[in-house]
Amino acid sequence: MENHFKALQGVTEEECYAGAKEKIPVTQPGRPQDIAKLAVFLCSEESEFVLGQTIVADGGTSALMSLMTDFRTESTARFGIGYVPGV
């Protein structure tokens, strides 16, 4: 979450949670623990039948992308070096 606030300077934690309730299907921003739980599962014997998959851990956000009008428009955003200030 700390990097999120670096990228969105001027956004408070309260604003972040309020926005997440409206925009993220699980109604909260992702936390490092969410990814850690997935990593633990993938390292366990319970995941032995999972092979060659791309697992998206985004709280359901990508499932909504095709329903949004701007998803169908080419983005001019460019990501990479300098995208997150200070990183």
PDB file of N, CA and C in Angstrom:
ATOM      1  N   MET A   1       0.822  -1.180   0.000  1.00  0.00           N
ATOM      2  CA  MET A   1       0.000   0.000   0.000  1.00  0.00           C
ATOM      3  C   MET A   1       0.873   1.252   0.000  1.00  0.00           C
ATOM      4  N   GLU A   2       2.047   1.154   0.575  1.00  0.00           N
ATOM      5  CA  GLU A   2       2.928   2.311   0.655  1.00  0.00           C
ATOM      6  C   GLU A   2       3.310   2.820  -0.739  1.00  0.00           C
ATOM      7  N   ASN A   3       3.601   1.911  -1.674  1.00  0.00           N
ATOM      8  CA  ASN A   3       3.930   2.335  -3.034  1.00  0.00           C
ATOM      9  C   ASN A   3       2.741   2.986  -3.717  1.00  0.00           C
ATOM     10  N   HIS A   4       1.555   2.552  -3.380  1.00  0.00           N
ATOM     11  CA  HIS A   4       0.343   3.147  -3.940  1.00  0.00           C
ATOM     12  C   HIS A   4       0.295   4.633  -3.591  1.00  0.00           C
ATOM     13  N   PHE A   5       0.605   4.956  -2.361  1.00  0.00           N
ATOM     14  CA  PHE A   5       0.562   6.350  -1.936  1.00  0.00           C
ATOM     15  C   PHE A   5       1.730   7.149  -2.528  1.00  0.00           C
ATOM     16  N   LYS A   6       2.846   6.492  -2.854  1.00  0.00           N
ATOM     17  CA  LYS A   6       3.941   7.179  -3.537  1.00  0.00           C
ATOM     18  C   LYS A   6       3.508   7.573  -4.946  1.00  0.00           C
ATOM     19  N   ALA A   7       2.779   6.685  -5.601  1.00  0.00           N
ATOM     20  CA  ALA A   7       2.336   6.947  -6.976  1.00  0.00           C
ATOM     21  C   ALA A   7       1.224   7.987  -7.027  1.00  0.00           C
ATOM     22  N   LEU A   8       0.394   8.007  -6.019  1.00  0.00           N
ATOM     23  CA  LEU A   8      -0.736   8.934  -5.986  1.00  0.00           C
ATOM     24  C   LEU A   8      -0.536   9.938  -4.862  1.00  0.00           C
ATOM     25  N   GLN A   9       0.418  10.794  -5.037  1.00  0.00           N
ATOM     26  CA  GLN A   9       0.715  11.768  -3.988  1.00  0.00           C
ATOM     27  C   GLN A   9      -0.482  12.670  -3.752  1.00  0.00           C
ATOM     28  N   GLY A  10      -0.726  12.960  -2.490  1.00  0.00           N
ATOM     29  CA  GLY A  10      -1.846  13.817  -2.128  1.00  0.00           C
ATOM     30  C   GLY A  10      -3.122  13.048  -1.847  1.00  0.00           C
ATOM     31  N   VAL A  11      -3.093  11.719  -1.985  1.00  0.00           N
ATOM     32  CA  VAL A  11      -4.260  10.896  -1.694  1.00  0.00           C
ATOM     33  C   VAL A  11      -4.064  10.295  -0.311  1.00  0.00           C
ATOM     34  N   THR A  12      -5.051  10.481   0.541  1.00  0.00           N
ATOM     35  CA  THR A  12      -4.952   9.939   1.903  1.00  0.00           C
ATOM     36  C   THR A  12      -5.418   8.491   1.935  1.00  0.00           C
ATOM     37  N   GLU A  13      -5.062   7.799   2.997  1.00  0.00           N
ATOM     38  CA  GLU A  13      -5.486   6.414   3.163  1.00  0.00           C
ATOM     39  C   GLU A  13      -7.010   6.327   3.216  1.00  0.00           C
ATOM     40  N   GLU A  14      -7.645   7.289   3.856  1.00  0.00           N
ATOM     41  CA  GLU A  14      -9.105   7.303   3.942  1.00  0.00           C
ATOM     42  C   GLU A  14      -9.738   7.444   2.558  1.00  0.00           C
ATOM     43  N   GLU A  15      -9.152   8.321   1.723  1.00  0.00           N
ATOM     44  CA  GLU A  15      -9.654   8.493   0.359  1.00  0.00           C
ATOM     45  C   GLU A  15      -9.456   7.220  -0.462  1.00  0.00           C
ATOM     46  N   CYS A  16      -8.342   6.562  -0.226  1.00  0.00           N
ATOM     47  CA  CYS A  16      -8.045   5.328  -0.938  1.00  0.00           C
ATOM     48  C   CYS A  16      -9.097   4.263  -0.621  1.00  0.00           C
ATOM     49  N   TYR A  17      -9.400   4.075   0.651  1.00  0.00           N
ATOM     50  CA  TYR A  17     -10.398   3.083   1.044  1.00  0.00           C
ATOM     51  C   TYR A  17     -11.793   3.460   0.551  1.00  0.00           C
ATOM     52  N   ALA A  18     -12.113   4.741   0.569  1.00  0.00           N
ATOM     53  CA  ALA A  18     -13.418   5.187   0.072  1.00  0.00           C
ATOM     54  C   ALA A  18     -13.542   4.911  -1.422  1.00  0.00           C
ATOM     55  N   GLY A  19     -12.489   5.192  -2.177  1.00  0.00           N
ATOM     56  CA  GLY A  19     -12.496   4.925  -3.611  1.00  0.00           C
ATOM     57  C   GLY A  19     -12.562   3.444  -3.916  1.00  0.00           C
ATOM     58  N   ALA A  20     -11.884   2.642  -3.108  1.00  0.00           N
ATOM     59  CA  ALA A  20     -11.884   1.192  -3.309  1.00  0.00           C
ATOM     60  C   ALA A  20     -13.282   0.617  -3.120  1.00  0.00           C
ATOM     61  N   LYS A  21     -14.025   1.142  -2.157  1.00  0.00           N
ATOM     62  CA  LYS A  21     -15.389   0.642  -1.930  1.00  0.00           C
ATOM     63  C   LYS A  21     -16.260   0.836  -3.156  1.00  0.00           C
ATOM     64  N   GLU A  22     -15.967   1.878  -3.939  1.00  0.00           N
ATOM     65  CA  GLU A  22     -16.755   2.159  -5.137  1.00  0.00           C
ATOM     66  C   GLU A  22     -16.234   1.448  -6.375  1.00  0.00           C
ATOM     67  N   LYS A  23     -14.925   1.191  -6.454  1.00  0.00           N
ATOM     68  CA  LYS A  23     -14.329   0.749  -7.714  1.00  0.00           C
ATOM     69  C   LYS A  23     -13.776  -0.666  -7.726  1.00  0.00           C
ATOM     70  N   ILE A  24     -13.500  -1.240  -6.576  1.00  0.00           N
ATOM     71  CA  ILE A  24     -12.920  -2.582  -6.523  1.00  0.00           C
ATOM     72  C   ILE A  24     -13.990  -3.543  -6.007  1.00  0.00           C
ATOM     73  N   PRO A  25     -14.274  -4.621  -6.752  1.00  0.00           N
ATOM     74  CA  PRO A  25     -15.348  -5.536  -6.339  1.00  0.00           C
ATOM     75  C   PRO A  25     -15.245  -6.066  -4.915  1.00  0.00           C
ATOM     76  N   VAL A  26     -14.049  -6.286  -4.396  1.00  0.00           N
ATOM     77  CA  VAL A  26     -13.940  -6.765  -3.014  1.00  0.00           C
ATOM     78  C   VAL A  26     -13.999  -5.614  -2.009  1.00  0.00           C
ATOM     79  N   THR A  27     -14.188  -4.419  -2.480  1.00  0.00           N
ATOM     80  CA  THR A  27     -14.407  -3.184  -1.699  1.00  0.00           C
ATOM     81  C   THR A  27     -13.256  -2.778  -0.780  1.00  0.00           C
ATOM     82  N   GLN A  28     -12.045  -3.181  -1.120  1.00  0.00           N
ATOM     83  CA  GLN A  28     -10.880  -2.720  -0.360  1.00  0.00           C
ATOM     84  C   GLN A  28      -9.650  -2.787  -1.245  1.00  0.00           C
ATOM     85  N   PRO A  29      -8.678  -1.925  -1.001  1.00  0.00           N
ATOM     86  CA  PRO A  29      -7.438  -2.007  -1.783  1.00  0.00           C
ATOM     87  C   PRO A  29      -6.642  -3.245  -1.386  1.00  0.00           C
ATOM     88  N   GLY A  30      -5.825  -3.724  -2.311  1.00  0.00           N
ATOM     89  CA  GLY A  30      -4.993  -4.882  -2.020  1.00  0.00           C
ATOM     90  C   GLY A  30      -3.937  -4.568  -0.979  1.00  0.00           C
ATOM     91  N   ARG A  31      -3.595  -5.583  -0.206  1.00  0.00           N
ATOM     92  CA  ARG A  31      -2.570  -5.448   0.831  1.00  0.00           C
ATOM     93  C   ARG A  31      -1.466  -6.469   0.571  1.00  0.00           C
ATOM     94  N   PRO A  32      -0.278  -6.229   1.069  1.00  0.00           N
ATOM     95  CA  PRO A  32       0.794  -7.218   0.890  1.00  0.00           C
ATOM     96  C   PRO A  32       0.402  -8.609   1.395  1.00  0.00           C
ATOM     97  N   GLN A  33      -0.409  -8.674   2.445  1.00  0.00           N
ATOM     98  CA  GLN A  33      -0.835  -9.965   2.983  1.00  0.00           C
ATOM     99  C   GLN A  33      -1.656 -10.763   1.969  1.00  0.00           C
ATOM    100  N   ASP A  34      -2.391 -10.068   1.111  1.00  0.00           N
ATOM    101  CA  ASP A  34      -3.199 -10.750   0.106  1.00  0.00           C
ATOM    102  C   ASP A  34      -2.313 -11.524  -0.869  1.00  0.00           C
ATOM    103  N   ILE A  35      -1.219 -10.913  -1.278  1.00  0.00           N
ATOM    104  CA  ILE A  35      -0.282 -11.581  -2.185  1.00  0.00           C
ATOM    105  C   ILE A  35       0.500 -12.654  -1.438  1.00  0.00           C
ATOM    106  N   ALA A  36       0.838 -12.386  -0.187  1.00  0.00           N
ATOM    107  CA  ALA A  36       1.568 -13.374   0.617  1.00  0.00           C
ATOM    108  C   ALA A  36       0.739 -14.648   0.781  1.00  0.00           C
ATOM    109  N   LYS A  37      -0.550 -14.517   1.006  1.00  0.00           N
ATOM    110  CA  LYS A  37      -1.415 -15.699   1.139  1.00  0.00           C
ATOM    111  C   LYS A  37      -1.437 -16.513  -0.152  1.00  0.00           C
ATOM    112  N   LEU A  38      -1.479 -15.818  -1.291  1.00  0.00           N
ATOM    113  CA  LEU A  38      -1.443 -16.501  -2.578  1.00  0.00           C
ATOM    114  C   LEU A  38      -0.110 -17.224  -2.761  1.00  0.00           C
ATOM    115  N   ALA A  39       0.983 -16.567  -2.397  1.00  0.00           N
ATOM    116  CA  ALA A  39       2.312 -17.179  -2.523  1.00  0.00           C
ATOM    117  C   ALA A  39       2.426 -18.427  -1.652  1.00  0.00           C
ATOM    118  N   VAL A  40       1.889 -18.352  -0.435  1.00  0.00           N
ATOM    119  CA  VAL A  40       1.933 -19.511   0.467  1.00  0.00           C
ATOM    120  C   VAL A  40       1.142 -20.668  -0.146  1.00  0.00           C
ATOM    121  N   PHE A  41      -0.028 -20.365  -0.699  1.00  0.00           N
ATOM    122  CA  PHE A  41      -0.826 -21.402  -1.348  1.00  0.00           C
ATOM    123  C   PHE A  41      -0.059 -22.034  -2.504  1.00  0.00           C
ATOM    124  N   LEU A  42       0.550 -21.206  -3.357  1.00  0.00           N
ATOM    125  CA  LEU A  42       1.261 -21.731  -4.518  1.00  0.00           C
ATOM    126  C   LEU A  42       2.489 -22.557  -4.125  1.00  0.00           C
ATOM    127  N   CYS A  43       3.040 -22.301  -2.956  1.00  0.00           N
ATOM    128  CA  CYS A  43       4.190 -23.065  -2.473  1.00  0.00           C
ATOM    129  C   CYS A  43       3.767 -24.326  -1.720  1.00  0.00           C
ATOM    130  N   SER A  44       2.489 -24.481  -1.500  1.00  0.00           N
ATOM    131  CA  SER A  44       2.004 -25.617  -0.718  1.00  0.00           C
ATOM    132  C   SER A  44       1.633 -26.793  -1.626  1.00  0.00           C
ATOM    133  N   GLU A  45       1.441 -27.952  -1.008  1.00  0.00           N
ATOM    134  CA  GLU A  45       1.026 -29.144  -1.749  1.00  0.00           C
ATOM    135  C   GLU A  45      -0.394 -28.996  -2.300  1.00  0.00           C
ATOM    136  N   GLU A  46      -1.197 -28.128  -1.701  1.00  0.00           N
ATOM    137  CA  GLU A  46      -2.569 -27.935  -2.165  1.00  0.00           C
ATOM    138  C   GLU A  46      -2.617 -27.380  -3.592  1.00  0.00           C
ATOM    139  N   SER A  47      -1.540 -26.777  -4.050  1.00  0.00           N
ATOM    140  CA  SER A  47      -1.526 -26.198  -5.394  1.00  0.00           C
ATOM    141  C   SER A  47      -0.821 -27.090  -6.411  1.00  0.00           C
ATOM    142  N   GLU A  48      -0.586 -28.353  -6.061  1.00  0.00           N
ATOM    143  CA  GLU A  48       0.216 -29.214  -6.935  1.00  0.00           C
ATOM    144  C   GLU A  48      -0.397 -29.428  -8.321  1.00  0.00           C
ATOM    145  N   PHE A  49      -1.688 -29.211  -8.484  1.00  0.00           N
ATOM    146  CA  PHE A  49      -2.340 -29.407  -9.780  1.00  0.00           C
ATOM    147  C   PHE A  49      -2.406 -28.116 -10.583  1.00  0.00           C
ATOM    148  N   VAL A  50      -1.946 -27.002 -10.005  1.00  0.00           N
ATOM    149  CA  VAL A  50      -1.913 -25.717 -10.701  1.00  0.00           C
ATOM    150  C   VAL A  50      -0.590 -25.642 -11.441  1.00  0.00           C
ATOM    151  N   LEU A  51      -0.667 -25.483 -12.759  1.00  0.00           N
ATOM    152  CA  LEU A  51       0.555 -25.480 -13.557  1.00  0.00           C
ATOM    153  C   LEU A  51       0.396 -24.530 -14.736  1.00  0.00           C
ATOM    154  N   GLY A  52       1.362 -23.649 -14.927  1.00  0.00           N
ATOM    155  CA  GLY A  52       1.385 -22.782 -16.092  1.00  0.00           C
ATOM    156  C   GLY A  52       0.233 -21.796 -16.160  1.00  0.00           C
ATOM    157  N   GLN A  53      -0.125 -21.212 -15.052  1.00  0.00           N
ATOM    158  CA  GLN A  53      -1.247 -20.278 -15.012  1.00  0.00           C
ATOM    159  C   GLN A  53      -0.784 -18.867 -14.692  1.00  0.00           C
ATOM    160  N   THR A  54      -1.513 -17.915 -15.202  1.00  0.00           N
ATOM    161  CA  THR A  54      -1.334 -16.527 -14.800  1.00  0.00           C
ATOM    162  C   THR A  54      -2.440 -16.235 -13.805  1.00  0.00           C
ATOM    163  N   ILE A  55      -2.075 -15.927 -12.597  1.00  0.00           N
ATOM    164  CA  ILE A  55      -3.061 -15.670 -11.552  1.00  0.00           C
ATOM    165  C   ILE A  55      -3.104 -14.174 -11.299  1.00  0.00           C
ATOM    166  N   VAL A  56      -4.267 -13.599 -11.497  1.00  0.00           N
ATOM    167  CA  VAL A  56      -4.450 -12.166 -11.306  1.00  0.00           C
ATOM    168  C   VAL A  56      -5.075 -11.948  -9.927  1.00  0.00           C
ATOM    169  N   ALA A  57      -4.339 -11.296  -9.066  1.00  0.00           N
ATOM    170  CA  ALA A  57      -4.823 -10.996  -7.717  1.00  0.00           C
ATOM    171  C   ALA A  57      -5.103  -9.499  -7.648  1.00  0.00           C
ATOM    172  N   ASP A  58      -6.280  -9.103  -8.117  1.00  0.00           N
ATOM    173  CA  ASP A  58      -6.611  -7.678  -8.186  1.00  0.00           C
ATOM    174  C   ASP A  58      -7.967  -7.337  -7.583  1.00  0.00           C
ATOM    175  N   GLY A  59      -8.480  -8.228  -6.763  1.00  0.00           N
ATOM    176  CA  GLY A  59      -9.759  -7.950  -6.107  1.00  0.00           C
ATOM    177  C   GLY A  59     -10.944  -7.954  -7.064  1.00  0.00           C
ATOM    178  N   GLY A  60     -10.775  -8.524  -8.244  1.00  0.00           N
ATOM    179  CA  GLY A  60     -11.853  -8.584  -9.220  1.00  0.00           C
ATOM    180  C   GLY A  60     -11.894  -7.419 -10.193  1.00  0.00           C
ATOM    181  N   THR A  61     -10.940  -6.509 -10.097  1.00  0.00           N
ATOM    182  CA  THR A  61     -10.943  -5.318 -10.940  1.00  0.00           C
ATOM    183  C   THR A  61     -10.874  -5.662 -12.423  1.00  0.00           C
ATOM    184  N   SER A  62     -10.018  -6.598 -12.804  1.00  0.00           N
ATOM    185  CA  SER A  62      -9.890  -6.927 -14.227  1.00  0.00           C
ATOM    186  C   SER A  62     -11.152  -7.572 -14.778  1.00  0.00           C
ATOM    187  N   ALA A  63     -11.952  -8.200 -13.940  1.00  0.00           N
ATOM    188  CA  ALA A  63     -13.205  -8.793 -14.392  1.00  0.00           C
ATOM    189  C   ALA A  63     -14.188  -7.717 -14.850  1.00  0.00           C
ATOM    190  N   LEU A  64     -14.053  -6.503 -14.337  1.00  0.00           N
ATOM    191  CA  LEU A  64     -14.944  -5.411 -14.704  1.00  0.00           C
ATOM    192  C   LEU A  64     -14.460  -4.621 -15.911  1.00  0.00           C
ATOM    193  N   MET A  65     -13.209  -4.807 -16.319  1.00  0.00           N
ATOM    194  CA  MET A  65     -12.615  -3.963 -17.358  1.00  0.00           C
ATOM    195  C   MET A  65     -13.409  -3.971 -18.662  1.00  0.00           C
ATOM    196  N   SER A  66     -13.888  -5.117 -19.081  1.00  0.00           N
ATOM    197  CA  SER A  66     -14.590  -5.179 -20.361  1.00  0.00           C
ATOM    198  C   SER A  66     -15.945  -4.486 -20.313  1.00  0.00           C
ATOM    199  N   LEU A  67     -16.420  -4.185 -19.136  1.00  0.00           N
ATOM    200  CA  LEU A  67     -17.708  -3.508 -18.992  1.00  0.00           C
ATOM    201  C   LEU A  67     -17.577  -1.994 -19.019  1.00  0.00           C
ATOM    202  N   MET A  68     -16.340  -1.500 -18.969  1.00  0.00           N
ATOM    203  CA  MET A  68     -16.102  -0.060 -18.940  1.00  0.00           C
ATOM    204  C   MET A  68     -15.837   0.458 -20.346  1.00  0.00           C
ATOM    205  N   THR A  69     -16.363   1.612 -20.667  1.00  0.00           N
ATOM    206  CA  THR A  69     -16.231   2.143 -22.017  1.00  0.00           C
ATOM    207  C   THR A  69     -14.791   2.504 -22.360  1.00  0.00           C
ATOM    208  N   ASP A  70     -14.006   3.030 -21.412  1.00  0.00           N
ATOM    209  CA  ASP A  70     -12.639   3.424 -21.730  1.00  0.00           C
ATOM    210  C   ASP A  70     -11.722   2.226 -21.940  1.00  0.00           C
ATOM    211  N   PHE A  71     -12.174   1.036 -21.598  1.00  0.00           N
ATOM    212  CA  PHE A  71     -11.386  -0.174 -21.826  1.00  0.00           C
ATOM    213  C   PHE A  71     -11.232  -0.425 -23.328  1.00  0.00           C
ATOM    214  N   ARG A  72     -12.221  -0.027 -24.089  1.00  0.00           N
ATOM    215  CA  ARG A  72     -12.218  -0.269 -25.534  1.00  0.00           C
ATOM    216  C   ARG A  72     -11.448   0.799 -26.316  1.00  0.00           C
ATOM    217  N   THR A  73     -10.963   1.817 -25.622  1.00  0.00           N
ATOM    218  CA  THR A  73     -10.212   2.903 -26.248  1.00  0.00           C
ATOM    219  C   THR A  73      -8.723   2.706 -25.983  1.00  0.00           C
ATOM    220  N   GLU A  74      -7.906   2.887 -27.005  1.00  0.00           N
ATOM    221  CA  GLU A  74      -6.469   2.719 -26.817  1.00  0.00           C
ATOM    222  C   GLU A  74      -5.947   3.721 -25.797  1.00  0.00           C
ATOM    223  N   SER A  75      -5.171   3.220 -24.864  1.00  0.00           N
ATOM    224  CA  SER A  75      -4.583   4.061 -23.830  1.00  0.00           C
ATOM    225  C   SER A  75      -3.303   4.701 -24.342  1.00  0.00           C
ATOM    226  N   THR A  76      -3.081   5.936 -23.966  1.00  0.00           N
ATOM    227  CA  THR A  76      -1.828   6.614 -24.312  1.00  0.00           C
ATOM    228  C   THR A  76      -0.837   6.578 -23.150  1.00  0.00           C
ATOM    229  N   ALA A  77      -1.241   5.957 -22.038  1.00  0.00           N
ATOM    230  CA  ALA A  77      -0.365   5.863 -20.871  1.00  0.00           C
ATOM    231  C   ALA A  77       0.825   4.960 -21.192  1.00  0.00           C
ATOM    232  N   ARG A  78       1.999   5.341 -20.764  1.00  0.00           N
ATOM    233  CA  ARG A  78       3.204   4.549 -20.949  1.00  0.00           C
ATOM    234  C   ARG A  78       3.808   4.276 -19.578  1.00  0.00           C
ATOM    235  N   PHE A  79       4.071   3.017 -19.322  1.00  0.00           N
ATOM    236  CA  PHE A  79       4.571   2.616 -18.025  1.00  0.00           C
ATOM    237  C   PHE A  79       6.034   2.239 -18.116  1.00  0.00           C
ATOM    238  N   GLY A  80       6.723   2.306 -17.016  1.00  0.00           N
ATOM    239  CA  GLY A  80       8.142   1.945 -16.981  1.00  0.00           C
ATOM    240  C   GLY A  80       8.892   2.870 -16.062  1.00  0.00           C
ATOM    241  N   ILE A  81      10.139   3.091 -16.363  1.00  0.00           N
ATOM    242  CA  ILE A  81      10.988   3.925 -15.525  1.00  0.00           C
ATOM    243  C   ILE A  81      10.371   5.302 -15.368  1.00  0.00           C
ATOM    244  N   GLY A  82      10.302   5.752 -14.127  1.00  0.00           N
ATOM    245  CA  GLY A  82       9.744   7.071 -13.847  1.00  0.00           C
ATOM    246  C   GLY A  82       8.248   7.061 -13.606  1.00  0.00           C
ATOM    247  N   TYR A  83       7.579   5.904 -13.787  1.00  0.00           N
ATOM    248  CA  TYR A  83       6.131   5.843 -13.588  1.00  0.00           C
ATOM    249  C   TYR A  83       5.773   6.116 -12.130  1.00  0.00           C
ATOM    250  N   VAL A  84       6.494   5.466 -11.218  1.00  0.00           N
ATOM    251  CA  VAL A  84       6.273   5.710  -9.792  1.00  0.00           C
ATOM    252  C   VAL A  84       7.369   6.662  -9.338  1.00  0.00           C
ATOM    253  N   PRO A  85       7.002   7.856  -8.886  1.00  0.00           N
ATOM    254  CA  PRO A  85       8.018   8.827  -8.458  1.00  0.00           C
ATOM    255  C   PRO A  85       8.898   8.271  -7.353  1.00  0.00           C
ATOM    256  N   GLY A  86      10.189   8.425  -7.500  1.00  0.00           N
ATOM    257  CA  GLY A  86      11.135   7.990  -6.475  1.00  0.00           C
ATOM    258  C   GLY A  86      11.504   6.512  -6.518  1.00  0.00           C
ATOM    259  N   VAL A  87      10.939   5.768  -7.470  1.00  0.00           N
ATOM    260  CA  VAL A  87      11.240   4.328  -7.535  1.00  0.00           C
ATOM    261  C   VAL A  87      12.014   4.045  -8.791  1.00  0.00           C
TER     262      VAL A  87
END
